[in-house]
Amino acid sequence: MSDCRSLGDCDDSRMVRIYEYLDGALSCDDLAEIKEHLDSCPDCAQEYDLECVIRSVVRRSCKEAAPENLKAAILERIHSGRAAQV
């Protein structure tokens, strides 16, 4: 494994940092640091690529919209449950 000391223990913290990187939740300096690390660490780059594929598959799979009547049914059950507790 390459030198991952700048990110902490590569096995423990790399996914958290990769998630933050993918989510755009890092500062500009941190973005540059992670990008540089991914360019030099094949293990982390592989994890990054895998996460990109997973997110792409989930995004494609989540394009179906729930039926309109489902929302109404859920809200009705919530209100009924609250009324029963009072």
C-alpha atoms as a PDB file:
ATOM      1  CA  MET A   1       0.000   0.000   0.000  1.00  0.00           C
ATOM      2  CA  SER A   2       1.252   3.491  -0.721  1.00  0.00           C
ATOM      3  CA  ASP A   3       1.994   6.120   1.896  1.00  0.00           C
ATOM      4  CA  CYS A   4      -1.372   7.135   3.346  1.00  0.00           C
ATOM      5  CA  ARG A   5      -0.062   8.750   6.509  1.00  0.00           C
ATOM      6  CA  SER A   6      -1.290  12.202   5.497  1.00  0.00           C
ATOM      7  CA  LEU A   7      -4.874  10.880   5.570  1.00  0.00           C
ATOM      8  CA  GLY A   8      -4.514   8.756   8.683  1.00  0.00           C
ATOM      9  CA  ASP A   9      -4.845   4.995   8.583  1.00  0.00           C
ATOM     10  CA  CYS A  10      -5.740   4.292   4.984  1.00  0.00           C
ATOM     11  CA  ASP A  11      -7.924   1.308   5.889  1.00  0.00           C
ATOM     12  CA  ASP A  12      -9.998   3.215   8.445  1.00  0.00           C
ATOM     13  CA  SER A  13     -10.301   6.743   7.158  1.00  0.00           C
ATOM     14  CA  ARG A  14      -9.970   6.506   3.408  1.00  0.00           C
ATOM     15  CA  MET A  15     -13.633   5.811   2.740  1.00  0.00           C
ATOM     16  CA  VAL A  16     -14.785   8.688   4.917  1.00  0.00           C
ATOM     17  CA  ARG A  17     -12.479  11.033   3.040  1.00  0.00           C
ATOM     18  CA  ILE A  18     -13.498   9.561  -0.316  1.00  0.00           C
ATOM     19  CA  TYR A  19     -17.198  10.004   0.558  1.00  0.00           C
ATOM     20  CA  GLU A  20     -16.539  13.613   1.539  1.00  0.00           C
ATOM     21  CA  TYR A  21     -14.592  14.108  -1.683  1.00  0.00           C
ATOM     22  CA  LEU A  22     -17.415  12.639  -3.787  1.00  0.00           C
ATOM     23  CA  ASP A  23     -20.013  14.685  -1.919  1.00  0.00           C
ATOM     24  CA  GLY A  24     -18.080  17.924  -2.438  1.00  0.00           C
ATOM     25  CA  ALA A  25     -17.961  18.369   1.329  1.00  0.00           C
ATOM     26  CA  LEU A  26     -14.304  19.353   1.556  1.00  0.00           C
ATOM     27  CA  SER A  27     -12.508  22.668   1.430  1.00  0.00           C
ATOM     28  CA  CYS A  28     -10.495  23.535  -1.666  1.00  0.00           C
ATOM     29  CA  ASP A  29      -7.273  22.599   0.125  1.00  0.00           C
ATOM     30  CA  ASP A  30      -8.707  19.262   1.244  1.00  0.00           C
ATOM     31  CA  LEU A  31     -10.040  18.579  -2.263  1.00  0.00           C
ATOM     32  CA  ALA A  32      -6.562  19.113  -3.684  1.00  0.00           C
ATOM     33  CA  GLU A  33      -5.038  16.894  -0.993  1.00  0.00           C
ATOM     34  CA  ILE A  34      -7.449  14.024  -1.667  1.00  0.00           C
ATOM     35  CA  LYS A  35      -7.061  14.379  -5.445  1.00  0.00           C
ATOM     36  CA  GLU A  36      -3.287  14.215  -5.084  1.00  0.00           C
ATOM     37  CA  HIS A  37      -3.597  11.206  -2.793  1.00  0.00           C
ATOM     38  CA  LEU A  38      -5.926   9.374  -5.191  1.00  0.00           C
ATOM     39  CA  ASP A  39      -3.446  10.001  -7.994  1.00  0.00           C
ATOM     40  CA  SER A  40      -0.654   8.363  -6.001  1.00  0.00           C
ATOM     41  CA  CYS A  41      -2.461   5.587  -4.090  1.00  0.00           C
ATOM     42  CA  PRO A  42      -3.796   2.716  -6.227  1.00  0.00           C
ATOM     43  CA  ASP A  43      -5.719   1.204  -3.299  1.00  0.00           C
ATOM     44  CA  CYS A  44      -7.600   4.402  -2.540  1.00  0.00           C
ATOM     45  CA  ALA A  45      -8.118   5.093  -6.242  1.00  0.00           C
ATOM     46  CA  GLN A  46      -9.692   1.652  -6.584  1.00  0.00           C
ATOM     47  CA  GLU A  47     -12.025   2.372  -3.642  1.00  0.00           C
ATOM     48  CA  TYR A  48     -12.919   5.717  -5.236  1.00  0.00           C
ATOM     49  CA  ASP A  49     -13.697   4.066  -8.576  1.00  0.00           C
ATOM     50  CA  LEU A  50     -15.840   1.427  -6.871  1.00  0.00           C
ATOM     51  CA  GLU A  51     -17.798   4.080  -4.979  1.00  0.00           C
ATOM     52  CA  CYS A  52     -18.361   5.987  -8.239  1.00  0.00           C
ATOM     53  CA  VAL A  53     -19.786   2.841  -9.847  1.00  0.00           C
ATOM     54  CA  ILE A  54     -22.028   2.149  -6.842  1.00  0.00           C
ATOM     55  CA  ARG A  55     -23.354   5.707  -6.854  1.00  0.00           C
ATOM     56  CA  SER A  56     -23.997   5.525 -10.583  1.00  0.00           C
ATOM     57  CA  VAL A  57     -25.966   2.283 -10.240  1.00  0.00           C
ATOM     58  CA  VAL A  58     -27.987   3.633  -7.326  1.00  0.00           C
ATOM     59  CA  ARG A  59     -28.716   6.852  -9.211  1.00  0.00           C
ATOM     60  CA  ARG A  60     -29.965   4.883 -12.249  1.00  0.00           C
ATOM     61  CA  SER A  61     -32.028   2.589 -10.030  1.00  0.00           C
ATOM     62  CA  CYS A  62     -33.695   5.434  -8.173  1.00  0.00           C
ATOM     63  CA  LYS A  63     -35.289   7.132 -11.154  1.00  0.00           C
ATOM     64  CA  GLU A  64     -38.641   5.499 -10.539  1.00  0.00           C
ATOM     65  CA  ALA A  65     -41.083   7.727  -8.731  1.00  0.00           C
ATOM     66  CA  ALA A  66     -43.341   6.402  -6.024  1.00  0.00           C
ATOM     67  CA  PRO A  67     -47.037   6.409  -6.883  1.00  0.00           C
ATOM     68  CA  GLU A  68     -48.798   9.615  -5.832  1.00  0.00           C
ATOM     69  CA  ASN A  69     -51.317   7.723  -3.714  1.00  0.00           C
ATOM     70  CA  LEU A  70     -48.466   6.192  -1.679  1.00  0.00           C
ATOM     71  CA  LYS A  71     -47.561   9.560  -0.152  1.00  0.00           C
ATOM     72  CA  ALA A  72     -51.188  10.207   0.770  1.00  0.00           C
ATOM     73  CA  ALA A  73     -51.511   6.736   2.312  1.00  0.00           C
ATOM     74  CA  ILE A  74     -48.350   7.181   4.390  1.00  0.00           C
ATOM     75  CA  LEU A  75     -49.438  10.617   5.634  1.00  0.00           C
ATOM     76  CA  GLU A  76     -52.866   9.238   6.542  1.00  0.00           C
ATOM     77  CA  ARG A  77     -51.280   6.437   8.595  1.00  0.00           C
ATOM     78  CA  ILE A  78     -49.008   8.917  10.360  1.00  0.00           C
ATOM     79  CA  HIS A  79     -51.940  11.154  11.263  1.00  0.00           C
ATOM     80  CA  SER A  80     -54.047   8.155  12.343  1.00  0.00           C
ATOM     81  CA  GLY A  81     -51.219   6.875  14.518  1.00  0.00           C
ATOM     82  CA  ARG A  82     -50.756  10.267  16.165  1.00  0.00           C
ATOM     83  CA  ALA A  83     -54.491  10.622  16.798  1.00  0.00           C
ATOM     84  CA  ALA A  84     -54.603   7.166  18.399  1.00  0.00           C
ATOM     85  CA  GLN A  85     -51.776   8.095  20.802  1.00  0.00           C
ATOM     86  CA  VAL A  86     -53.601  11.156  22.133  1.00  0.00           C
END
